[in-house]
Amino acid sequence: KLNWSLDKRTGILEITGSGNMADFVSLPAPWSEYNYCITEIKLHNGLTTIGESAFEYLYRIKEIEIPETVTSIGDFAFYYCTKLNNVVISNKVNSIGSSAFRGCKSLESIKLSKLFL
């Protein structure tokens, strides 16, 4: 019950709706063909998991805020997002998969959301 949209002009990928995101191990994420133009990801409340390999190789994103409804982040979820330097995550996330942030060579910090401090 999730939907995605991409504004190619601004580079903003939005994920809306509710429930678990699919894993993208066998097939690429539907937005992966637009990796070259995605500069920002907006994840809305209602999303409960971030699927495996969901946002791999989005090399232009610089930060991500994980909504408070997310409880797990899949393996390789942000694999090789090389410009990703800031992640804000709620303390409701109880599972972060193997290599979820592998190859994020610009990553400077992963912070708990201010809502939960």
N, C-alpha and C. Protein backbone atom coordinates (compact mmCIF):
# COMPACT_ATOMS: atom_id res chain seq x y z
N LYS A 1 0.82 -1.19 0.00
CA LYS A 1 0.00 0.00 0.00
C LYS A 1 0.86 1.26 0.00
N LEU A 2 2.03 1.14 -0.57
CA LEU A 2 2.92 2.28 -0.69
C LEU A 2 2.90 2.79 -2.12
N ASN A 3 3.11 4.06 -2.26
CA ASN A 3 3.19 4.69 -3.58
C ASN A 3 4.46 5.51 -3.64
N TRP A 4 4.97 5.66 -4.82
CA TRP A 4 6.14 6.51 -5.00
C TRP A 4 5.90 7.47 -6.14
N SER A 5 6.53 8.62 -6.03
CA SER A 5 6.48 9.60 -7.11
C SER A 5 7.83 10.30 -7.17
N LEU A 6 8.17 10.72 -8.35
CA LEU A 6 9.44 11.41 -8.56
C LEU A 6 9.18 12.66 -9.37
N ASP A 7 9.59 13.78 -8.83
CA ASP A 7 9.57 15.03 -9.58
C ASP A 7 10.93 15.15 -10.25
N LYS A 8 10.99 14.87 -11.52
CA LYS A 8 12.27 14.87 -12.23
C LYS A 8 12.90 16.26 -12.29
N ARG A 9 12.07 17.27 -12.19
CA ARG A 9 12.58 18.65 -12.23
C ARG A 9 13.37 18.98 -10.96
N THR A 10 12.84 18.58 -9.80
CA THR A 10 13.51 18.87 -8.53
C THR A 10 14.38 17.73 -8.03
N GLY A 11 14.15 16.51 -8.54
CA GLY A 11 14.90 15.35 -8.09
C GLY A 11 14.40 14.74 -6.80
N ILE A 12 13.18 15.10 -6.38
CA ILE A 12 12.64 14.62 -5.11
C ILE A 12 11.81 13.36 -5.34
N LEU A 13 12.25 12.29 -4.67
CA LEU A 13 11.53 11.02 -4.66
C LEU A 13 10.71 10.97 -3.37
N GLU A 14 9.41 10.74 -3.47
CA GLU A 14 8.55 10.65 -2.29
C GLU A 14 7.94 9.26 -2.20
N ILE A 15 7.95 8.72 -0.99
CA ILE A 15 7.30 7.45 -0.70
C ILE A 15 6.17 7.75 0.28
N THR A 16 4.94 7.44 -0.11
CA THR A 16 3.77 7.71 0.72
C THR A 16 2.98 6.41 0.92
N GLY A 17 2.00 6.47 1.80
CA GLY A 17 1.16 5.31 2.06
C GLY A 17 1.54 4.67 3.37
N SER A 18 1.13 3.41 3.53
CA SER A 18 1.42 2.73 4.79
C SER A 18 1.79 1.28 4.54
N GLY A 19 2.62 0.76 5.43
CA GLY A 19 3.00 -0.63 5.37
C GLY A 19 4.47 -0.84 5.08
N ASN A 20 4.79 -2.11 4.85
CA ASN A 20 6.17 -2.52 4.58
C ASN A 20 6.55 -2.26 3.13
N MET A 21 7.77 -1.81 2.94
CA MET A 21 8.32 -1.66 1.60
C MET A 21 8.84 -3.02 1.14
N ALA A 22 8.70 -3.31 -0.11
CA ALA A 22 9.22 -4.56 -0.67
C ALA A 22 10.74 -4.56 -0.60
N ASP A 23 11.31 -5.76 -0.65
CA ASP A 23 12.75 -5.91 -0.81
C ASP A 23 13.06 -5.93 -2.29
N PHE A 24 14.21 -5.37 -2.65
CA PHE A 24 14.58 -5.25 -4.06
C PHE A 24 15.89 -6.00 -4.32
N VAL A 25 15.88 -7.28 -4.01
CA VAL A 25 17.05 -8.11 -4.19
C VAL A 25 17.06 -8.72 -5.59
N SER A 26 15.97 -9.32 -5.98
CA SER A 26 15.88 -9.97 -7.29
C SER A 26 15.60 -8.98 -8.41
N LEU A 27 14.77 -8.00 -8.12
CA LEU A 27 14.42 -6.97 -9.10
C LEU A 27 14.80 -5.61 -8.53
N PRO A 28 15.23 -4.69 -9.38
CA PRO A 28 15.57 -3.36 -8.86
C PRO A 28 14.33 -2.59 -8.44
N ALA A 29 14.53 -1.62 -7.56
CA ALA A 29 13.44 -0.73 -7.16
C ALA A 29 12.92 0.00 -8.39
N PRO A 30 11.62 0.29 -8.43
CA PRO A 30 11.06 0.91 -9.63
C PRO A 30 11.65 2.28 -9.96
N TRP A 31 12.20 2.94 -8.96
CA TRP A 31 12.78 4.27 -9.19
C TRP A 31 14.27 4.19 -9.54
N SER A 32 14.85 3.00 -9.55
CA SER A 32 16.29 2.87 -9.76
C SER A 32 16.73 3.35 -11.14
N GLU A 33 15.86 3.32 -12.12
CA GLU A 33 16.26 3.82 -13.45
C GLU A 33 16.45 5.34 -13.45
N TYR A 34 16.05 6.00 -12.36
CA TYR A 34 16.20 7.45 -12.24
C TYR A 34 17.29 7.83 -11.25
N ASN A 35 18.17 6.90 -10.91
CA ASN A 35 19.24 7.17 -9.94
C ASN A 35 20.01 8.45 -10.27
N TYR A 36 20.20 8.71 -11.53
CA TYR A 36 20.99 9.85 -11.97
C TYR A 36 20.37 11.19 -11.58
N CYS A 37 19.04 11.24 -11.36
CA CYS A 37 18.43 12.54 -11.08
C CYS A 37 17.85 12.68 -9.67
N ILE A 38 17.84 11.61 -8.86
CA ILE A 38 17.27 11.70 -7.52
C ILE A 38 18.27 12.39 -6.59
N THR A 39 17.85 13.53 -6.05
CA THR A 39 18.72 14.30 -5.15
C THR A 39 18.21 14.31 -3.71
N GLU A 40 16.96 13.91 -3.52
CA GLU A 40 16.37 13.94 -2.19
C GLU A 40 15.30 12.86 -2.09
N ILE A 41 15.18 12.27 -0.90
CA ILE A 41 14.15 11.27 -0.63
C ILE A 41 13.31 11.78 0.53
N LYS A 42 12.00 11.79 0.34
CA LYS A 42 11.07 12.14 1.41
C LYS A 42 10.25 10.90 1.73
N LEU A 43 10.48 10.37 2.92
CA LEU A 43 9.74 9.21 3.40
C LEU A 43 8.67 9.71 4.36
N HIS A 44 7.44 9.35 4.11
CA HIS A 44 6.33 9.84 4.93
C HIS A 44 5.95 8.85 6.02
N ASN A 45 5.37 9.36 7.10
CA ASN A 45 4.86 8.51 8.16
C ASN A 45 3.87 7.52 7.57
N GLY A 46 3.88 6.32 8.10
CA GLY A 46 3.05 5.24 7.58
C GLY A 46 3.92 4.12 7.05
N LEU A 47 5.06 4.47 6.49
CA LEU A 47 6.04 3.50 6.05
C LEU A 47 6.57 2.76 7.28
N THR A 48 6.58 1.43 7.26
CA THR A 48 7.01 0.69 8.45
C THR A 48 8.37 0.00 8.29
N THR A 49 8.76 -0.30 7.07
CA THR A 49 10.10 -0.87 6.84
C THR A 49 10.68 -0.26 5.56
N ILE A 50 12.00 -0.22 5.53
CA ILE A 50 12.71 0.17 4.31
C ILE A 50 13.30 -1.12 3.75
N GLY A 51 12.93 -1.47 2.55
CA GLY A 51 13.31 -2.75 1.96
C GLY A 51 14.78 -2.88 1.63
N GLU A 52 15.20 -4.13 1.49
CA GLU A 52 16.58 -4.42 1.10
C GLU A 52 16.89 -3.77 -0.24
N SER A 53 18.04 -3.15 -0.32
CA SER A 53 18.55 -2.53 -1.55
C SER A 53 17.64 -1.45 -2.12
N ALA A 54 16.76 -0.89 -1.29
CA ALA A 54 15.76 0.06 -1.76
C ALA A 54 16.35 1.31 -2.40
N PHE A 55 17.38 1.86 -1.79
CA PHE A 55 17.91 3.13 -2.26
C PHE A 55 19.39 3.04 -2.63
N GLU A 56 19.83 1.84 -3.01
CA GLU A 56 21.24 1.67 -3.35
C GLU A 56 21.61 2.50 -4.57
N TYR A 57 22.83 2.99 -4.56
CA TYR A 57 23.42 3.75 -5.66
C TYR A 57 22.72 5.08 -5.95
N LEU A 58 22.02 5.62 -4.97
CA LEU A 58 21.48 6.98 -5.14
C LEU A 58 22.59 7.95 -4.73
N TYR A 59 23.55 8.09 -5.59
CA TYR A 59 24.79 8.79 -5.26
C TYR A 59 24.65 10.30 -5.12
N ARG A 60 23.47 10.85 -5.38
CA ARG A 60 23.30 12.30 -5.27
C ARG A 60 22.60 12.75 -3.99
N ILE A 61 22.03 11.81 -3.22
CA ILE A 61 21.35 12.23 -1.98
C ILE A 61 22.39 12.55 -0.91
N LYS A 62 22.08 13.55 -0.10
CA LYS A 62 23.03 13.99 0.93
C LYS A 62 22.53 13.71 2.34
N GLU A 63 21.23 13.62 2.51
CA GLU A 63 20.70 13.32 3.84
C GLU A 63 19.37 12.61 3.73
N ILE A 64 19.02 11.94 4.82
CA ILE A 64 17.75 11.22 4.86
C ILE A 64 17.23 11.28 6.29
N GLU A 65 15.93 11.48 6.40
CA GLU A 65 15.27 11.43 7.70
C GLU A 65 14.30 10.24 7.67
N ILE A 66 14.53 9.31 8.58
CA ILE A 66 13.71 8.11 8.66
C ILE A 66 12.50 8.43 9.55
N PRO A 67 11.28 8.27 9.05
CA PRO A 67 10.10 8.63 9.85
C PRO A 67 9.93 7.74 11.08
N GLU A 68 9.20 8.25 12.03
CA GLU A 68 9.01 7.56 13.30
C GLU A 68 8.23 6.26 13.18
N THR A 69 7.57 6.02 12.08
CA THR A 69 6.81 4.78 11.90
C THR A 69 7.67 3.62 11.41
N VAL A 70 8.89 3.90 10.99
CA VAL A 70 9.79 2.85 10.49
C VAL A 70 10.41 2.09 11.65
N THR A 71 10.35 0.76 11.59
CA THR A 71 10.94 -0.08 12.64
C THR A 71 12.16 -0.87 12.16
N SER A 72 12.34 -1.00 10.85
CA SER A 72 13.53 -1.71 10.38
C SER A 72 14.00 -1.17 9.03
N ILE A 73 15.31 -1.29 8.84
CA ILE A 73 15.97 -0.87 7.61
C ILE A 73 16.66 -2.11 7.06
N GLY A 74 16.36 -2.45 5.83
CA GLY A 74 16.87 -3.69 5.23
C GLY A 74 18.34 -3.66 4.85
N ASP A 75 18.86 -4.85 4.59
CA ASP A 75 20.25 -5.00 4.13
C ASP A 75 20.47 -4.15 2.88
N PHE A 76 21.60 -3.51 2.82
CA PHE A 76 22.03 -2.73 1.65
C PHE A 76 21.05 -1.61 1.27
N ALA A 77 20.22 -1.16 2.20
CA ALA A 77 19.18 -0.17 1.90
C ALA A 77 19.75 1.11 1.27
N PHE A 78 20.87 1.58 1.78
CA PHE A 78 21.48 2.82 1.27
C PHE A 78 22.89 2.55 0.73
N TYR A 79 23.09 1.37 0.23
CA TYR A 79 24.38 0.91 -0.26
C TYR A 79 24.93 1.87 -1.33
N TYR A 80 26.13 2.30 -1.11
CA TYR A 80 26.85 3.19 -2.01
C TYR A 80 26.10 4.47 -2.37
N CYS A 81 25.47 5.04 -1.39
CA CYS A 81 24.96 6.42 -1.51
C CYS A 81 26.13 7.30 -1.09
N THR A 82 27.04 7.51 -1.99
CA THR A 82 28.37 8.05 -1.67
C THR A 82 28.38 9.47 -1.14
N LYS A 83 27.34 10.26 -1.41
CA LYS A 83 27.30 11.63 -0.90
C LYS A 83 26.44 11.76 0.36
N LEU A 84 25.84 10.67 0.79
CA LEU A 84 25.02 10.69 2.00
C LEU A 84 25.91 11.02 3.19
N ASN A 85 25.62 12.15 3.86
CA ASN A 85 26.47 12.52 4.98
C ASN A 85 25.72 12.69 6.29
N ASN A 86 24.40 12.62 6.27
CA ASN A 86 23.63 12.81 7.50
C ASN A 86 22.37 11.95 7.47
N VAL A 87 22.17 11.18 8.53
CA VAL A 87 20.99 10.34 8.67
C VAL A 87 20.34 10.66 10.01
N VAL A 88 19.05 10.95 9.98
CA VAL A 88 18.29 11.17 11.21
C VAL A 88 17.31 10.02 11.31
N ILE A 89 17.35 9.34 12.47
CA ILE A 89 16.60 8.11 12.63
C ILE A 89 15.88 8.14 13.98
N SER A 90 14.65 7.63 14.01
CA SER A 90 13.93 7.58 15.28
C SER A 90 14.40 6.38 16.08
N ASN A 91 14.16 6.42 17.38
CA ASN A 91 14.58 5.29 18.20
C ASN A 91 13.61 4.11 18.09
N LYS A 92 12.62 4.23 17.24
CA LYS A 92 11.70 3.11 17.00
C LYS A 92 12.29 2.10 16.04
N VAL A 93 13.36 2.48 15.35
CA VAL A 93 14.04 1.53 14.48
C VAL A 93 14.77 0.53 15.37
N ASN A 94 14.38 -0.74 15.28
CA ASN A 94 15.01 -1.75 16.14
C ASN A 94 15.88 -2.72 15.36
N SER A 95 15.98 -2.51 14.05
CA SER A 95 16.79 -3.41 13.23
C SER A 95 17.35 -2.64 12.04
N ILE A 96 18.67 -2.71 11.90
CA ILE A 96 19.35 -2.14 10.74
C ILE A 96 20.13 -3.26 10.09
N GLY A 97 19.81 -3.56 8.85
CA GLY A 97 20.37 -4.71 8.16
C GLY A 97 21.85 -4.58 7.85
N SER A 98 22.41 -5.71 7.50
CA SER A 98 23.81 -5.82 7.13
C SER A 98 24.13 -4.87 5.97
N SER A 99 25.19 -4.14 6.12
CA SER A 99 25.69 -3.25 5.07
C SER A 99 24.67 -2.21 4.62
N ALA A 100 23.74 -1.86 5.49
CA ALA A 100 22.71 -0.87 5.13
C ALA A 100 23.31 0.45 4.66
N PHE A 101 24.46 0.82 5.25
CA PHE A 101 25.10 2.08 4.89
C PHE A 101 26.51 1.87 4.33
N ARG A 102 26.77 0.67 3.83
CA ARG A 102 28.09 0.36 3.27
C ARG A 102 28.36 1.21 2.03
N GLY A 103 29.56 1.72 1.95
CA GLY A 103 29.95 2.52 0.79
C GLY A 103 29.50 3.98 0.89
N CYS A 104 28.89 4.36 2.00
CA CYS A 104 28.48 5.75 2.21
C CYS A 104 29.68 6.51 2.76
N LYS A 105 30.64 6.75 1.91
CA LYS A 105 31.94 7.27 2.35
C LYS A 105 31.88 8.70 2.88
N SER A 106 30.80 9.42 2.63
CA SER A 106 30.66 10.79 3.15
C SER A 106 29.90 10.84 4.46
N LEU A 107 29.43 9.68 4.94
CA LEU A 107 28.58 9.66 6.13
C LEU A 107 29.34 10.17 7.34
N GLU A 108 28.81 11.25 7.91
CA GLU A 108 29.42 11.87 9.07
C GLU A 108 28.68 11.55 10.35
N SER A 109 27.35 11.38 10.26
CA SER A 109 26.61 11.15 11.49
C SER A 109 25.30 10.42 11.24
N ILE A 110 24.94 9.63 12.23
CA ILE A 110 23.61 9.04 12.32
C ILE A 110 23.08 9.49 13.66
N LYS A 111 21.99 10.25 13.64
CA LYS A 111 21.46 10.85 14.87
C LYS A 111 20.06 10.33 15.16
N LEU A 112 19.76 10.25 16.45
CA LEU A 112 18.39 9.99 16.84
C LEU A 112 17.58 11.25 16.58
N SER A 113 16.36 11.07 16.11
CA SER A 113 15.48 12.19 15.88
C SER A 113 15.28 12.98 17.15
N LYS A 114 15.22 14.29 17.05
CA LYS A 114 15.01 15.17 18.20
C LYS A 114 13.70 14.88 18.91
N LEU A 115 12.76 14.30 18.18
CA LEU A 115 11.47 13.97 18.80
C LEU A 115 11.62 12.96 19.92
N PHE A 116 12.69 12.19 19.91
CA PHE A 116 12.83 11.08 20.85
C PHE A 116 13.97 11.26 21.83
N LEU A 117 14.63 12.38 21.82
CA LEU A 117 15.76 12.59 22.74
C LEU A 117 15.27 13.02 24.10
